[in-house]
Protein backbone atom coordinates (compact mmCIF):
# COMPACT_ATOMS: atom_id res chain seq x y z
CA MET A 1 0.00 0.00 0.00
CA ILE A 2 2.79 2.43 0.85
CA ASN A 3 4.55 1.75 -2.45
CA GLN A 4 1.45 2.80 -4.39
CA ARG A 5 1.27 6.18 -2.65
CA ARG A 6 4.89 7.09 -3.27
CA PRO A 7 4.58 7.08 -7.07
CA ARG A 8 1.50 9.30 -6.83
CA SER A 9 3.25 11.67 -4.43
CA SER A 10 6.34 11.74 -6.62
CA ALA A 11 4.26 12.43 -9.71
CA LEU A 12 2.45 15.25 -7.92
CA LEU A 13 5.72 16.80 -6.75
CA LEU A 14 7.18 16.51 -10.24
CA LEU A 15 4.10 18.21 -11.71
CA LEU A 16 4.27 21.05 -9.17
CA PHE A 17 7.99 21.52 -9.82
CA ALA A 18 7.43 21.59 -13.59
CA SER A 19 4.67 24.18 -13.17
CA PHE A 20 6.92 26.32 -10.99
CA VAL A 21 9.82 26.13 -13.44
CA ALA A 22 7.56 26.93 -16.41
CA GLY A 23 6.15 29.93 -14.57
CA THR A 24 9.56 31.28 -13.69
CA LEU A 25 10.87 30.80 -17.22
CA ALA A 26 8.11 32.90 -18.80
CA ALA A 27 9.72 36.03 -20.19
CA THR A 28 9.14 39.37 -18.48
CA TYR A 29 9.69 42.58 -20.43
CA ARG A 30 10.05 45.71 -18.28
CA VAL A 31 9.24 48.96 -20.05
CA THR A 32 12.11 50.55 -18.13
CA ASP A 33 14.52 48.19 -19.91
CA TYR A 34 13.35 49.79 -23.17
CA GLY A 35 13.96 53.37 -22.07
CA ALA A 36 10.80 54.33 -20.15
CA LYS A 37 11.65 56.87 -17.43
CA GLY A 38 8.39 56.98 -15.49
CA ASP A 39 9.30 60.41 -14.13
CA GLY A 40 5.96 62.04 -14.99
CA ILE A 41 7.76 64.45 -17.34
CA THR A 42 9.27 62.38 -20.16
CA ASP A 43 7.06 61.01 -22.95
CA ASP A 44 7.50 57.23 -22.64
CA THR A 45 5.45 56.31 -25.72
CA GLN A 46 8.38 55.04 -27.81
CA ALA A 47 9.75 52.93 -24.96
CA PHE A 48 6.34 51.29 -24.49
CA THR A 49 6.08 50.68 -28.25
CA ASN A 50 9.52 49.05 -28.31
CA ALA A 51 8.77 46.89 -25.26
CA TRP A 52 5.44 45.80 -26.78
CA ARG A 53 7.13 44.85 -30.05
CA ALA A 54 9.62 42.68 -28.14
CA VAL A 55 6.99 40.92 -26.02
CA CYS A 56 4.67 40.42 -29.00
CA LEU A 57 7.39 38.82 -31.11
CA ASN A 58 8.62 36.63 -28.24
CA SER A 59 8.87 33.06 -29.51
CA LYS A 60 8.55 31.57 -26.01
CA GLU A 61 5.31 30.79 -24.26
CA ALA A 62 3.20 33.35 -22.43
CA SER A 63 5.03 36.55 -21.49
CA THR A 64 4.51 39.58 -19.29
CA LEU A 65 4.86 43.25 -20.16
CA LEU A 66 5.73 44.78 -16.78
CA ILE A 67 5.06 48.42 -15.96
CA PRO A 68 6.96 48.85 -12.68
CA GLY A 69 5.27 50.54 -9.73
CA GLY A 70 6.15 53.78 -7.99
CA LYS A 71 6.35 55.73 -11.25
CA VAL A 72 4.15 57.81 -13.58
CA TYR A 73 4.57 57.01 -17.27
CA LEU A 74 3.40 59.61 -19.80
CA LEU A 75 1.98 58.13 -22.99
CA GLY A 76 0.71 59.54 -26.25
CA LEU A 77 -1.33 57.51 -28.75
CA THR A 78 -0.18 53.94 -28.19
CA LYS A 79 -1.30 50.91 -30.17
CA PHE A 80 -0.65 47.50 -28.66
CA GLY A 81 -1.27 45.52 -31.83
CA GLY A 82 -1.05 41.91 -32.87
CA PRO A 83 -1.13 39.29 -33.93
CA CYS A 84 1.37 38.19 -31.31
CA LYS A 85 3.00 34.79 -31.03
CA HIS A 86 1.61 33.94 -27.57
CA TYR A 87 -0.60 35.08 -24.70
CA ILE A 88 0.53 38.35 -23.08
CA ARG A 89 -0.12 39.65 -19.59
CA VAL A 90 0.22 43.41 -19.14
CA GLN A 91 1.05 43.96 -15.48
CA VAL A 92 0.27 47.60 -14.62
CA ASP A 93 1.95 48.32 -11.29
CA GLY A 94 2.86 51.92 -12.14
CA ASN A 95 0.56 54.73 -13.26
CA LEU A 96 -0.14 55.56 -16.90
CA LYS A 97 -1.08 59.13 -17.77
CA ARG A 98 -1.99 60.67 -21.13
CA VAL A 99 0.43 63.30 -22.39
CA ASP A 100 -0.99 66.80 -22.46
CA GLU A 101 -1.83 66.99 -26.15
CA VAL A 102 -4.90 66.47 -28.29
CA TRP A 103 -4.81 64.43 -31.47
CA SER A 104 -6.53 65.72 -34.56
CA ASP A 105 -6.57 62.55 -36.64
CA ASP A 106 -9.44 60.08 -36.84
CA ASP A 107 -7.67 57.58 -34.59
CA ASN A 108 -8.43 59.13 -31.22
CA ASN A 109 -7.83 56.00 -29.16
CA TRP A 110 -5.28 56.78 -26.49
CA LEU A 111 -4.44 53.17 -25.59
CA LEU A 112 -5.57 50.59 -28.12
CA PHE A 113 -5.27 46.81 -27.83
CA ILE A 114 -6.07 45.33 -31.24
CA ASN A 115 -5.78 42.02 -33.14
CA LEU A 116 -4.87 40.01 -30.05
CA ASN A 117 -6.02 36.48 -29.32
CA GLY A 118 -5.04 36.43 -25.67
CA ARG A 119 -4.09 39.12 -23.19
CA THR A 120 -4.80 40.26 -19.67
CA VAL A 121 -4.37 43.77 -18.31
CA ALA A 122 -4.11 43.70 -14.52
CA GLY A 123 -2.43 45.32 -11.56
CA PRO A 124 -2.87 48.04 -8.95
CA GLY A 125 -1.63 50.90 -11.16
CA GLU A 126 -3.86 53.71 -12.42
CA ILE A 127 -4.71 54.49 -16.03
CA ASP A 128 -5.47 58.22 -16.31
CA GLY A 129 -6.62 59.40 -19.73
CA GLN A 130 -6.96 63.02 -18.57
CA GLY A 131 -10.59 63.04 -19.71
CA ALA A 132 -11.41 66.50 -18.36
CA SER A 133 -8.85 68.29 -20.57
CA TRP A 134 -9.92 66.21 -23.57
CA HIS A 135 -13.58 67.20 -23.16
CA VAL A 136 -12.70 70.88 -22.70
CA HIS A 137 -10.80 70.85 -26.01
CA PHE A 138 -13.70 69.34 -27.95
CA SER A 139 -16.36 71.53 -26.32
CA LEU A 140 -14.41 74.61 -27.49
CA GLN A 141 -14.54 73.32 -31.08
CA MET A 142 -18.34 73.21 -31.08
């Protein structure tokens, strides 16, 4: 009876270890590694675009785009487009804030996730599109 339980326990431990290793091997792409400052002054749009391109083209399994906490990242129009090779998690630990400009083209989406088969956006960070200033601009045009 004891011999039958050991193989089951060993198989369970092996499965848990494999899950742990697979989870730790998933690639994490930090926007700060691609030049994002997160100082609330610098426009970080290009750094986010470069980090997204890297995570989207990742040939490994599921990956994470990490937006580190304790910072404010200024972003202009940003398209997070696919198709991407695998599932992507966007971990928003820092705060995203729209740059203080208004776009005049037809594509007025500040942050756009498009043509993606699998993604999650999660985390304690804030996403601030500066809606009040946007509405003031358009009400003046009327």
